[in-house]
Amino acid sequence: MKGLLSRYIGVVIAVAGLLMFIFGVISGETDEVLRKAATICLECIGLR
């Protein structure tokens, strides 16, 4: 029973993550996330 429950929770979390990923792509958030990630990387190595 415990193994079945943990597998079910894993599937639910994976589906929720996939839905959030799809929503982000549809709403155009990928450009913003990439821009912020590049800015943080440049700040970490001292170029910005």
Protein backbone atom coordinates (compact mmCIF):
# COMPACT_ATOMS: atom_id res chain seq x y z
CA MET A 1 0.00 0.00 0.00
CA LYS A 2 2.77 2.43 0.89
CA GLY A 3 4.57 1.84 -2.43
CA LEU A 4 1.39 2.43 -4.38
CA LEU A 5 0.72 5.69 -2.54
CA SER A 6 4.25 7.00 -3.09
CA ARG A 7 4.06 6.13 -6.79
CA TYR A 8 0.70 7.90 -7.07
CA ILE A 9 2.08 11.03 -5.39
CA GLY A 10 5.05 11.01 -7.77
CA VAL A 11 2.77 10.83 -10.80
CA VAL A 12 0.58 13.66 -9.46
CA ILE A 13 3.63 15.88 -8.88
CA ALA A 14 5.01 15.08 -12.35
CA VAL A 15 1.69 15.90 -14.03
CA ALA A 16 1.40 19.15 -12.06
CA GLY A 17 4.93 20.12 -13.11
CA LEU A 18 4.20 19.33 -16.73
CA LEU A 19 1.03 21.43 -16.66
CA MET A 20 2.92 24.38 -15.14
CA PHE A 21 5.66 23.99 -17.77
CA ILE A 22 3.10 24.02 -20.59
CA PHE A 23 1.33 27.05 -19.10
CA GLY A 24 4.66 28.92 -18.89
CA VAL A 25 5.52 28.15 -22.50
CA ILE A 26 2.07 29.19 -23.73
CA SER A 27 2.13 32.47 -21.79
CA GLY A 28 5.60 33.37 -23.14
CA GLU A 29 7.49 33.17 -19.86
CA THR A 30 10.42 31.28 -21.39
CA ASP A 31 12.04 34.45 -22.73
CA GLU A 32 11.82 36.16 -19.35
CA VAL A 33 13.26 33.18 -17.48
CA LEU A 34 16.16 32.87 -19.93
CA ARG A 35 16.89 36.60 -19.69
CA LYS A 36 16.94 36.49 -15.88
CA ALA A 37 19.12 33.37 -15.84
CA ALA A 38 21.66 34.98 -18.17
CA THR A 39 21.73 38.14 -16.04
CA ILE A 40 22.34 36.15 -12.86
CA CYS A 41 25.16 34.17 -14.51
CA LEU A 42 26.84 37.33 -15.74
CA GLU A 43 26.58 38.86 -12.27
CA CYS A 44 28.08 35.75 -10.68
CA ILE A 45 31.23 35.90 -12.81
CA GLY A 46 31.51 39.66 -12.41
CA LEU A 47 30.80 40.82 -15.95
CA ARG A 48 27.78 42.89 -15.08
